[in-house]
PDB file of N, CA and C in Angstrom:
ATOM      1  N   MET A   1     121.326  88.390 153.788  1.00  0.00           N
ATOM      2  CA  MET A   1     120.189  88.110 152.781  1.00  0.00           C
ATOM      3  C   MET A   1     119.903  89.865 152.234  1.00  0.00           C
ATOM      4  N   GLN A   2     120.087  90.919 153.812  1.00  0.00           N
ATOM      5  CA  GLN A   2     119.307  92.023 152.886  1.00  0.00           C
ATOM      6  C   GLN A   2     119.523  92.624 151.392  1.00  0.00           C
ATOM      7  N   PRO A   3     121.452  92.122 152.016  1.00  0.00           N
ATOM      8  CA  PRO A   3     122.043  92.682 150.393  1.00  0.00           C
ATOM      9  C   PRO A   3     121.339  91.456 149.113  1.00  0.00           C
ATOM     10  N   LEU A   4     120.418  91.257 149.207  1.00  0.00           N
ATOM     11  CA  LEU A   4     119.769  90.433 148.185  1.00  0.00           C
ATOM     12  C   LEU A   4     117.955  91.350 148.512  1.00  0.00           C
ATOM     13  N   LEU A   5     117.263  91.051 149.319  1.00  0.00           N
ATOM     14  CA  LEU A   5     116.406  91.622 149.326  1.00  0.00           C
ATOM     15  C   LEU A   5     116.628  93.341 148.831  1.00  0.00           C
ATOM     16  N   ILE A   6     117.733  93.901 148.780  1.00  0.00           N
ATOM     17  CA  ILE A   6     117.834  95.068 148.281  1.00  0.00           C
ATOM     18  C   ILE A   6     117.742  95.371 146.757  1.00  0.00           C
ATOM     19  N   TYR A   7     118.704  93.990 146.368  1.00  0.00           N
ATOM     20  CA  TYR A   7     119.218  94.191 144.877  1.00  0.00           C
ATOM     21  C   TYR A   7     118.250  93.901 144.006  1.00  0.00           C
ATOM     22  N   LEU A   8     116.319  92.682 145.010  1.00  0.00           N
ATOM     23  CA  LEU A   8     115.234  92.421 144.010  1.00  0.00           C
ATOM     24  C   LEU A   8     114.429  93.495 143.873  1.00  0.00           C
ATOM     25  N   ALA A   9     114.941  94.561 145.373  1.00  0.00           N
ATOM     26  CA  ALA A   9     113.515  95.812 145.128  1.00  0.00           C
ATOM     27  C   ALA A   9     113.501  96.604 144.042  1.00  0.00           C
ATOM     28  N   VAL A  10     115.451  97.189 144.202  1.00  0.00           N
ATOM     29  CA  VAL A  10     115.855  97.253 142.945  1.00  0.00           C
ATOM     30  C   VAL A  10     115.720  97.006 141.884  1.00  0.00           C
ATOM     31  N   TRP A  11     116.106  95.712 141.311  1.00  0.00           N
ATOM     32  CA  TRP A  11     115.261  95.094 140.473  1.00  0.00           C
ATOM     33  C   TRP A  11     114.077  95.199 139.606  1.00  0.00           C
ATOM     34  N   SER A  12     113.433  95.346 140.797  1.00  0.00           N
ATOM     35  CA  SER A  12     112.107  94.909 140.877  1.00  0.00           C
ATOM     36  C   SER A  12     110.998  96.776 140.342  1.00  0.00           C
ATOM     37  N   MET A  13     112.076  97.611 140.462  1.00  0.00           N
ATOM     38  CA  MET A  13     111.377  99.145 140.567  1.00  0.00           C
ATOM     39  C   MET A  13     111.721  98.984 138.814  1.00  0.00           C
ATOM     40  N   TYR A  14     113.200  98.618 138.853  1.00  0.00           N
ATOM     41  CA  TYR A  14     114.110  99.068 136.987  1.00  0.00           C
ATOM     42  C   TYR A  14     112.854  98.234 136.525  1.00  0.00           C
ATOM     43  N   ALA A  15     112.556  97.029 137.083  1.00  0.00           N
ATOM     44  CA  ALA A  15     111.942  96.764 136.004  1.00  0.00           C
ATOM     45  C   ALA A  15     110.570  96.717 135.389  1.00  0.00           C
ATOM     46  N   THR A  16     109.773  98.112 136.574  1.00  0.00           N
ATOM     47  CA  THR A  16     108.611  98.209 136.572  1.00  0.00           C
ATOM     48  C   THR A  16     108.480  99.988 135.311  1.00  0.00           C
ATOM     49  N   ALA A  17     109.966 100.278 135.631  1.00  0.00           N
ATOM     50  CA  ALA A  17     109.995 101.729 135.434  1.00  0.00           C
ATOM     51  C   ALA A  17     110.479 101.153 133.161  1.00  0.00           C
ATOM     52  N   PHE A  18     110.789 100.401 133.738  1.00  0.00           N
ATOM     53  CA  PHE A  18     111.773  99.013 132.425  1.00  0.00           C
ATOM     54  C   PHE A  18     109.910  99.739 131.318  1.00  0.00           C
ATOM     55  N   THR A  19     109.289  98.765 132.210  1.00  0.00           N
ATOM     56  CA  THR A  19     107.496  98.174 130.876  1.00  0.00           C
ATOM     57  C   THR A  19     107.179  98.928 130.919  1.00  0.00           C
ATOM     58  N   ARG A  20     107.114 100.069 131.915  1.00  0.00           N
ATOM     59  CA  ARG A  20     105.981 101.216 131.604  1.00  0.00           C
ATOM     60  C   ARG A  20     106.667 102.514 130.706  1.00  0.00           C
ATOM     61  N   ILE A  21     108.427 102.061 130.584  1.00  0.00           N
ATOM     62  CA  ILE A  21     108.828 103.288 128.847  1.00  0.00           C
ATOM     63  C   ILE A  21     108.570 102.617 127.947  1.00  0.00           C
ATOM     64  N   LEU A  22     108.690 101.663 127.564  1.00  0.00           N
ATOM     65  CA  LEU A  22     108.449 100.192 126.643  1.00  0.00           C
ATOM     66  C   LEU A  22     106.407 100.060 126.355  1.00  0.00           C
ATOM     67  N   ASP A  23     105.976 100.193 127.220  1.00  0.00           N
ATOM     68  CA  ASP A  23     104.520 100.529 127.021  1.00  0.00           C
ATOM     69  C   ASP A  23     104.277 101.839 126.129  1.00  0.00           C
ATOM     70  N   THR A  24     104.641 102.970 126.712  1.00  0.00           N
ATOM     71  CA  THR A  24     104.597 104.092 126.052  1.00  0.00           C
ATOM     72  C   THR A  24     105.176 104.335 125.788  1.00  0.00           C
ATOM     73  N   GLY A  25     105.749 103.853 125.593  1.00  0.00           N
ATOM     74  CA  GLY A  25     106.368 103.551 123.521  1.00  0.00           C
ATOM     75  C   GLY A  25     105.462 102.955 122.845  1.00  0.00           C
ATOM     76  N   MET A  26     105.156 101.275 122.727  1.00  0.00           N
ATOM     77  CA  MET A  26     104.419 101.346 121.941  1.00  0.00           C
ATOM     78  C   MET A  26     103.105 101.790 122.296  1.00  0.00           C
ATOM     79  N   ASN A  27     103.059 102.196 123.382  1.00  0.00           N
ATOM     80  CA  ASN A  27     101.509 103.437 123.368  1.00  0.00           C
ATOM     81  C   ASN A  27     101.892 104.202 122.018  1.00  0.00           C
ATOM     82  N   ARG A  28     102.372 104.856 122.004  1.00  0.00           N
ATOM     83  CA  ARG A  28     102.543 105.659 120.577  1.00  0.00           C
ATOM     84  C   ARG A  28     102.352 105.253 119.923  1.00  0.00           C
ATOM     85  N   ILE A  29     103.423 104.170 119.738  1.00  0.00           N
ATOM     86  CA  ILE A  29     103.477 104.625 118.357  1.00  0.00           C
ATOM     87  C   ILE A  29     102.072 103.747 117.863  1.00  0.00           C
ATOM     88  N   LEU A  30     101.263 102.542 118.685  1.00  0.00           N
ATOM     89  CA  LEU A  30      99.896 102.593 118.684  1.00  0.00           C
ATOM     90  C   LEU A  30      98.973 103.292 117.904  1.00  0.00           C
ATOM     91  N   LEU A  31      99.209 104.650 118.711  1.00  0.00           N
ATOM     92  CA  LEU A  31      98.258 105.779 118.755  1.00  0.00           C
ATOM     93  C   LEU A  31      98.637 106.535 117.413  1.00  0.00           C
ATOM     94  N   ILE A  32     100.175 106.631 117.004  1.00  0.00           N
ATOM     95  CA  ILE A  32     100.095 107.320 115.377  1.00  0.00           C
ATOM     96  C   ILE A  32      99.837 106.001 114.327  1.00  0.00           C
ATOM     97  N   VAL A  33     100.257 105.445 114.139  1.00  0.00           N
ATOM     98  CA  VAL A  33      99.207 104.497 113.776  1.00  0.00           C
ATOM     99  C   VAL A  33      97.831 104.279 113.834  1.00  0.00           C
ATOM    100  N   ALA A  34      96.792 104.555 114.866  1.00  0.00           N
ATOM    101  CA  ALA A  34      96.046 105.018 114.435  1.00  0.00           C
ATOM    102  C   ALA A  34      95.382 106.010 113.973  1.00  0.00           C
ATOM    103  N   LEU A  35      95.742 107.268 114.451  1.00  0.00           N
ATOM    104  CA  LEU A  35      95.374 108.569 114.059  1.00  0.00           C
ATOM    105  C   LEU A  35      96.131 109.171 112.283  1.00  0.00           C
ATOM    106  N   PHE A  36      97.202 108.248 111.883  1.00  0.00           N
ATOM    107  CA  PHE A  36      96.777 108.126 110.555  1.00  0.00           C
ATOM    108  C   PHE A  36      95.746 107.496 109.613  1.00  0.00           C
ATOM    109  N   ILE A  37      95.476 106.372 110.442  1.00  0.00           N
ATOM    110  CA  ILE A  37      94.877 104.615 109.652  1.00  0.00           C
ATOM    111  C   ILE A  37      93.224 105.833 109.528  1.00  0.00           C
ATOM    112  N   GLY A  38      93.109 106.012 110.984  1.00  0.00           N
ATOM    113  CA  GLY A  38      92.155 107.421 111.160  1.00  0.00           C
ATOM    114  C   GLY A  38      91.837 109.114 109.988  1.00  0.00           C
ATOM    115  N   GLY A  39      92.794 108.927 110.067  1.00  0.00           N
ATOM    116  CA  GLY A  39      93.142 109.706 109.079  1.00  0.00           C
ATOM    117  C   GLY A  39      92.935 109.107 107.797  1.00  0.00           C
ATOM    118  N   LEU A  40      93.405 108.765 107.000  1.00  0.00           N
ATOM    119  CA  LEU A  40      93.244 108.142 106.303  1.00  0.00           C
ATOM    120  C   LEU A  40      91.443 107.668 105.594  1.00  0.00           C
ATOM    121  N   ALA A  41      90.343 107.587 106.304  1.00  0.00           N
ATOM    122  CA  ALA A  41      89.736 107.093 106.490  1.00  0.00           C
ATOM    123  C   ALA A  41      88.177 108.412 106.858  1.00  0.00           C
ATOM    124  N   THR A  42      89.482 109.393 107.342  1.00  0.00           N
ATOM    125  CA  THR A  42      87.731 110.307 107.135  1.00  0.00           C
ATOM    126  C   THR A  42      88.953 111.411 105.480  1.00  0.00           C
ATOM    127  N   LEU A  43      89.256 111.102 105.115  1.00  0.00           N
ATOM    128  CA  LEU A  43      89.753 111.967 103.522  1.00  0.00           C
ATOM    129  C   LEU A  43      88.741 112.522 102.859  1.00  0.00           C
ATOM    130  N   PRO A  44      88.176 113.059 102.504  1.00  0.00           N
ATOM    131  CA  PRO A  44      87.134 113.560 101.067  1.00  0.00           C
ATOM    132  C   PRO A  44      87.294 111.695  99.810  1.00  0.00           C
ATOM    133  N   GLU A  45      86.201 111.209  99.306  1.00  0.00           N
ATOM    134  CA  GLU A  45      86.231 111.226  98.269  1.00  0.00           C
ATOM    135  C   GLU A  45      87.370 111.206  97.356  1.00  0.00           C
ATOM    136  N   PRO A  46      88.083 111.223  95.577  1.00  0.00           N
ATOM    137  CA  PRO A  46      88.673 111.876  94.910  1.00  0.00           C
ATOM    138  C   PRO A  46      86.636 112.317  94.030  1.00  0.00           C
ATOM    139  N   ALA A  47      87.332 113.986  93.749  1.00  0.00           N
ATOM    140  CA  ALA A  47      86.509 113.806  92.840  1.00  0.00           C
ATOM    141  C   ALA A  47      86.509 113.566  91.643  1.00  0.00           C
ATOM    142  N   PHE A  48      85.890 113.001  91.044  1.00  0.00           N
ATOM    143  CA  PHE A  48      86.061 113.063  89.640  1.00  0.00           C
ATOM    144  C   PHE A  48      85.101 113.864  88.578  1.00  0.00           C
ATOM    145  N   ALA A  49      85.529 114.281  87.675  1.00  0.00           N
ATOM    146  CA  ALA A  49      84.811 114.940  86.959  1.00  0.00           C
ATOM    147  C   ALA A  49      83.674 114.637  86.016  1.00  0.00           C
ATOM    148  N   GLU A  50      82.488 114.539  85.668  1.00  0.00           N
ATOM    149  CA  GLU A  50      81.093 114.033  84.717  1.00  0.00           C
ATOM    150  C   GLU A  50      81.717 113.875  83.449  1.00  0.00           C
ATOM    151  N   ASP A  51      81.514 113.191  82.238  1.00  0.00           N
ATOM    152  CA  ASP A  51      81.398 112.655  81.598  1.00  0.00           C
ATOM    153  C   ASP A  51      80.811 114.438  80.733  1.00  0.00           C
ATOM    154  N   ILE A  52      80.810 114.648  79.408  1.00  0.00           N
ATOM    155  CA  ILE A  52      80.953 115.794  78.962  1.00  0.00           C
ATOM    156  C   ILE A  52      79.297 115.547  77.857  1.00  0.00           C
ATOM    157  N   SER A  53      77.950 115.725  77.755  1.00  0.00           N
ATOM    158  CA  SER A  53      76.897 115.624  76.932  1.00  0.00           C
ATOM    159  C   SER A  53      77.601 116.241  75.518  1.00  0.00           C
ATOM    160  N   LYS A  54      75.924 115.329  74.520  1.00  0.00           N
ATOM    161  CA  LYS A  54      75.779 115.835  73.392  1.00  0.00           C
ATOM    162  C   LYS A  54      76.002 117.147  73.452  1.00  0.00           C
ATOM    163  N   GLN A  55      75.166 118.155  74.129  1.00  0.00           N
ATOM    164  CA  GLN A  55      76.015 119.293  73.434  1.00  0.00           C
ATOM    165  C   GLN A  55      76.532 119.959  74.410  1.00  0.00           C
ATOM    166  N   GLN A  56      77.348 119.776  74.713  1.00  0.00           N
ATOM    167  CA  GLN A  56      78.844 119.798  75.726  1.00  0.00           C
ATOM    168  C   GLN A  56      79.686 119.680  74.465  1.00  0.00           C
ATOM    169  N   ALA A  57      79.513 118.304  73.721  1.00  0.00           N
ATOM    170  CA  ALA A  57      80.911 117.925  72.936  1.00  0.00           C
ATOM    171  C   ALA A  57      80.312 119.141  71.551  1.00  0.00           C
ATOM    172  N   ALA A  58      78.877 119.149  70.743  1.00  0.00           N
ATOM    173  CA  ALA A  58      78.460 120.011  69.635  1.00  0.00           C
ATOM    174  C   ALA A  58      79.145 121.413  69.527  1.00  0.00           C
ATOM    175  N   SER A  59      79.271 121.896  71.271  1.00  0.00           N
ATOM    176  CA  SER A  59      79.772 123.299  71.462  1.00  0.00           C
ATOM    177  C   SER A  59      81.753 123.421  71.554  1.00  0.00           C
ATOM    178  N   ILE A  60      81.708 122.128  72.103  1.00  0.00           N
ATOM    179  CA  ILE A  60      83.475 122.336  71.769  1.00  0.00           C
ATOM    180  C   ILE A  60      83.740 122.263  69.441  1.00  0.00           C
ATOM    181  N   ALA A  61      82.464 121.546  69.101  1.00  0.00           N
ATOM    182  CA  ALA A  61      83.012 121.301  67.752  1.00  0.00           C
ATOM    183  C   ALA A  61      83.121 122.830  67.550  1.00  0.00           C
ATOM    184  N   GLN A  62      81.554 123.172  67.250  1.00  0.00           N
ATOM    185  CA  GLN A  62      82.189 124.181  66.681  1.00  0.00           C
ATOM    186  C   GLN A  62      82.803 125.990  67.400  1.00  0.00           C
ATOM    187  N   SER A  63      83.278 125.390  68.400  1.00  0.00           N
ATOM    188  CA  SER A  63      84.255 126.239  68.816  1.00  0.00           C
ATOM    189  C   SER A  63      85.644 126.148  67.630  1.00  0.00           C
ATOM    190  N   ARG A  64      85.720 125.278  67.415  1.00  0.00           N
ATOM    191  CA  ARG A  64      86.892 124.659  66.073  1.00  0.00           C
ATOM    192  C   ARG A  64      85.700 125.252  65.167  1.00  0.00           C
ATOM    193  N   TYR A  65      84.974 124.712  63.984  1.00  0.00           N
ATOM    194  CA  TYR A  65      84.312 125.161  62.782  1.00  0.00           C
ATOM    195  C   TYR A  65      83.201 125.766  63.414  1.00  0.00           C
ATOM    196  N   PRO A  66      82.999 126.789  63.462  1.00  0.00           N
ATOM    197  CA  PRO A  66      82.122 127.580  63.764  1.00  0.00           C
ATOM    198  C   PRO A  66      81.182 127.147  62.187  1.00  0.00           C
ATOM    199  N   GLY A  67      79.723 127.652  62.735  1.00  0.00           N
ATOM    200  CA  GLY A  67      78.237 126.765  61.426  1.00  0.00           C
ATOM    201  C   GLY A  67      77.740 125.749  62.566  1.00  0.00           C
ATOM    202  N   ARG A  68      76.977 124.890  61.567  1.00  0.00           N
ATOM    203  CA  ARG A  68      75.709 124.328  61.896  1.00  0.00           C
ATOM    204  C   ARG A  68      76.263 122.753  62.331  1.00  0.00           C
ATOM    205  N   VAL A  69      75.305 122.577  63.439  1.00  0.00           N
ATOM    206  CA  VAL A  69      75.796 121.611  64.011  1.00  0.00           C
ATOM    207  C   VAL A  69      74.733 120.118  63.195  1.00  0.00           C
ATOM    208  N   ILE A  70      75.371 118.800  62.218  1.00  0.00           N
ATOM    209  CA  ILE A  70      74.026 118.405  61.670  1.00  0.00           C
ATOM    210  C   ILE A  70      73.721 117.579  62.462  1.00  0.00           C
ATOM    211  N   ASP A  71      74.594 116.338  62.750  1.00  0.00           N
ATOM    212  CA  ASP A  71      74.538 115.237  64.040  1.00  0.00           C
ATOM    213  C   ASP A  71      75.344 114.700  64.762  1.00  0.00           C
ATOM    214  N   VAL A  72      75.620 114.595  66.269  1.00  0.00           N
ATOM    215  CA  VAL A  72      76.308 113.953  67.438  1.00  0.00           C
ATOM    216  C   VAL A  72      76.111 112.799  67.470  1.00  0.00           C
ATOM    217  N   LYS A  73      77.359 111.508  67.632  1.00  0.00           N
ATOM    218  CA  LYS A  73      76.980 110.411  68.504  1.00  0.00           C
ATOM    219  C   LYS A  73      77.840 109.649  68.706  1.00  0.00           C
ATOM    220  N   LEU A  74      77.268 109.003  69.836  1.00  0.00           N
ATOM    221  CA  LEU A  74      78.340 108.534  70.199  1.00  0.00           C
ATOM    222  C   LEU A  74      78.713 107.475  69.788  1.00  0.00           C
ATOM    223  N   ILE A  75      80.320 107.436  70.150  1.00  0.00           N
ATOM    224  CA  ILE A  75      80.744 106.075  69.369  1.00  0.00           C
ATOM    225  C   ILE A  75      82.273 105.531  70.146  1.00  0.00           C
ATOM    226  N   ASP A  76      82.036 103.983  70.706  1.00  0.00           N
ATOM    227  CA  ASP A  76      82.478 103.426  71.435  1.00  0.00           C
ATOM    228  C   ASP A  76      82.594 103.407  72.518  1.00  0.00           C
ATOM    229  N   ASN A  77      81.655 104.380  73.303  1.00  0.00           N
ATOM    230  CA  ASN A  77      81.140 104.880  74.899  1.00  0.00           C
ATOM    231  C   ASN A  77      82.516 105.578  75.039  1.00  0.00           C
ATOM    232  N   ASN A  78      83.123 106.287  74.739  1.00  0.00           N
ATOM    233  CA  ASN A  78      84.243 107.053  74.519  1.00  0.00           C
ATOM    234  C   ASN A  78      84.332 108.157  74.798  1.00  0.00           C
ATOM    235  N   THR A  79      83.480 108.001  72.827  1.00  0.00           N
ATOM    236  CA  THR A  79      84.377 109.770  71.908  1.00  0.00           C
ATOM    237  C   THR A  79      82.667 109.647  71.322  1.00  0.00           C
ATOM    238  N   TYR A  80      82.955 111.565  70.808  1.00  0.00           N
ATOM    239  CA  TYR A  80      81.870 112.391  70.036  1.00  0.00           C
ATOM    240  C   TYR A  80      82.425 112.133  68.907  1.00  0.00           C
ATOM    241  N   ARG A  81      80.642 111.235  68.037  1.00  0.00           N
ATOM    242  CA  ARG A  81      81.044 112.175  66.418  1.00  0.00           C
ATOM    243  C   ARG A  81      80.975 113.284  66.017  1.00  0.00           C
ATOM    244  N   VAL A  82      81.035 114.617  66.417  1.00  0.00           N
ATOM    245  CA  VAL A  82      79.820 115.477  65.830  1.00  0.00           C
ATOM    246  C   VAL A  82      81.317 116.129  63.981  1.00  0.00           C
ATOM    247  N   LYS A  83      79.293 116.336  63.535  1.00  0.00           N
ATOM    248  CA  LYS A  83      79.538 116.348  62.361  1.00  0.00           C
ATOM    249  C   LYS A  83      79.282 118.109  61.924  1.00  0.00           C
ATOM    250  N   VAL A  84      80.385 118.935  61.769  1.00  0.00           N
ATOM    251  CA  VAL A  84      79.639 120.151  61.525  1.00  0.00           C
ATOM    252  C   VAL A  84      79.381 121.110  59.407  1.00  0.00           C
ATOM    253  N   LEU A  85      77.924 121.704  59.416  1.00  0.00           N
ATOM    254  CA  LEU A  85      78.705 122.575  58.486  1.00  0.00           C
ATOM    255  C   LEU A  85      78.700 123.769  58.342  1.00  0.00           C
ATOM    256  N   ASP A  86      80.370 124.231  57.790  1.00  0.00           N
ATOM    257  CA  ASP A  86      80.553 125.707  57.701  1.00  0.00           C
ATOM    258  C   ASP A  86      79.946 126.533  57.609  1.00  0.00           C
ATOM    259  N   ASN A  87      80.473 127.659  58.205  1.00  0.00           N
ATOM    260  CA  ASN A  87      79.719 128.817  57.703  1.00  0.00           C
ATOM    261  C   ASN A  87      80.186 128.652  55.283  1.00  0.00           C
ATOM    262  N   ASN A  88      81.198 128.169  55.104  1.00  0.00           N
ATOM    263  CA  ASN A  88      81.439 127.939  53.792  1.00  0.00           C
ATOM    264  C   ASN A  88      80.338 126.665  53.270  1.00  0.00           C
ATOM    265  N   GLY A  89      79.893 125.703  53.881  1.00  0.00           N
ATOM    266  CA  GLY A  89      79.207 124.806  53.365  1.00  0.00           C
ATOM    267  C   GLY A  89      80.350 124.106  53.535  1.00  0.00           C
ATOM    268  N   GLY A  90      81.313 123.532  53.724  1.00  0.00           N
ATOM    269  CA  GLY A  90      82.417 123.198  54.410  1.00  0.00           C
ATOM    270  C   GLY A  90      81.696 121.372  55.277  1.00  0.00           C
ATOM    271  N   MET A  91      81.191 120.127  55.499  1.00  0.00           N
ATOM    272  CA  MET A  91      81.402 119.517  56.322  1.00  0.00           C
ATOM    273  C   MET A  91      82.409 118.806  56.991  1.00  0.00           C
ATOM    274  N   HIS A  92      82.750 119.793  58.522  1.00  0.00           N
ATOM    275  CA  HIS A  92      83.812 118.649  58.770  1.00  0.00           C
ATOM    276  C   HIS A  92      83.235 117.811  59.744  1.00  0.00           C
ATOM    277  N   ILE A  93      84.345 116.440  60.271  1.00  0.00           N
ATOM    278  CA  ILE A  93      83.855 115.607  61.147  1.00  0.00           C
ATOM    279  C   ILE A  93      84.892 116.049  62.638  1.00  0.00           C
ATOM    280  N   VAL A  94      84.500 116.127  63.482  1.00  0.00           N
ATOM    281  CA  VAL A  94      84.991 115.961  65.257  1.00  0.00           C
ATOM    282  C   VAL A  94      84.715 115.321  66.118  1.00  0.00           C
ATOM    283  N   ILE A  95      86.375 114.710  66.393  1.00  0.00           N
ATOM    284  CA  ILE A  95      85.876 113.577  67.710  1.00  0.00           C
ATOM    285  C   ILE A  95      86.211 114.187  68.327  1.00  0.00           C
ATOM    286  N   VAL A  96      85.125 113.758  69.957  1.00  0.00           N
ATOM    287  CA  VAL A  96      85.803 114.512  71.452  1.00  0.00           C
ATOM    288  C   VAL A  96      85.432 113.339  71.828  1.00  0.00           C
ATOM    289  N   ASN A  97      86.250 113.664  73.445  1.00  0.00           N
ATOM    290  CA  ASN A  97      87.156 112.928  73.881  1.00  0.00           C
ATOM    291  C   ASN A  97      86.453 113.132  74.853  1.00  0.00           C
ATOM    292  N   LYS A  98      85.161 111.634  75.373  1.00  0.00           N
ATOM    293  CA  LYS A  98      84.162 112.061  76.040  1.00  0.00           C
ATOM    294  C   LYS A  98      84.176 112.543  77.550  1.00  0.00           C
ATOM    295  N   GLN A  99      85.049 112.354  78.167  1.00  0.00           N
ATOM    296  CA  GLN A  99      85.169 112.563  79.359  1.00  0.00           C
ATOM    297  C   GLN A  99      86.436 113.347  79.873  1.00  0.00           C
ATOM    298  N   SER A 100      86.916 114.303  79.499  1.00  0.00           N
ATOM    299  CA  SER A 100      88.650 114.846  78.828  1.00  0.00           C
ATOM    300  C   SER A 100      87.559 116.530  78.193  1.00  0.00           C
ATOM    301  N   GLY A 101      86.463 116.015  77.126  1.00  0.00           N
ATOM    302  CA  GLY A 101      86.333 117.280  76.415  1.00  0.00           C
ATOM    303  C   GLY A 101      86.819 117.529  75.454  1.00  0.00           C
ATOM    304  N   ASN A 102      88.420 116.793  75.424  1.00  0.00           N
ATOM    305  CA  ASN A 102      89.362 117.456  74.767  1.00  0.00           C
ATOM    306  C   ASN A 102      89.352 116.987  72.896  1.00  0.00           C
ATOM    307  N   ILE A 103      89.995 117.107  71.727  1.00  0.00           N
ATOM    308  CA  ILE A 103      89.845 117.576  70.542  1.00  0.00           C
ATOM    309  C   ILE A 103      90.727 116.098  70.103  1.00  0.00           C
ATOM    310  N   GLU A 104      89.933 114.750  69.399  1.00  0.00           N
ATOM    311  CA  GLU A 104      90.713 113.747  69.562  1.00  0.00           C
ATOM    312  C   GLU A 104      91.379 113.978  67.314  1.00  0.00           C
ATOM    313  N   SER A 105      90.349 114.218  66.488  1.00  0.00           N
ATOM    314  CA  SER A 105      90.574 114.449  65.471  1.00  0.00           C
ATOM    315  C   SER A 105      89.882 115.679  65.253  1.00  0.00           C
ATOM    316  N   ALA A 106      90.139 116.000  64.157  1.00  0.00           N
ATOM    317  CA  ALA A 106      89.369 117.195  63.450  1.00  0.00           C
ATOM    318  C   ALA A 106      89.817 116.855  61.685  1.00  0.00           C
ATOM    319  N   ASN A 107      88.496 116.579  61.002  1.00  0.00           N
ATOM    320  CA  ASN A 107      88.891 117.312  59.240  1.00  0.00           C
ATOM    321  C   ASN A 107      87.588 117.869  59.379  1.00  0.00           C
TER     322      ASN A 107
END
């Protein structure tokens, strides 16, 4: 009977230790996951550049063709059409992307 009690006592200690190891391992995993998710939640929101204004579109067009800006119109909600009268009397139409400020076409 005594060997059985010793066996049960030893088995109980191993079972308790094994359970604690498993709990610790699981807790570590849960802690890592919680910290990761919490870290993602505190990241700053991405900064998006604002659309350029009509005045900025006019300046961009004038950098390509120095002269007088005759007209700036927003077309298709994504681009500006800028008409520039150059110093030699030539008329130029410059299409400027509203989001990036890049010249899409010019003539």
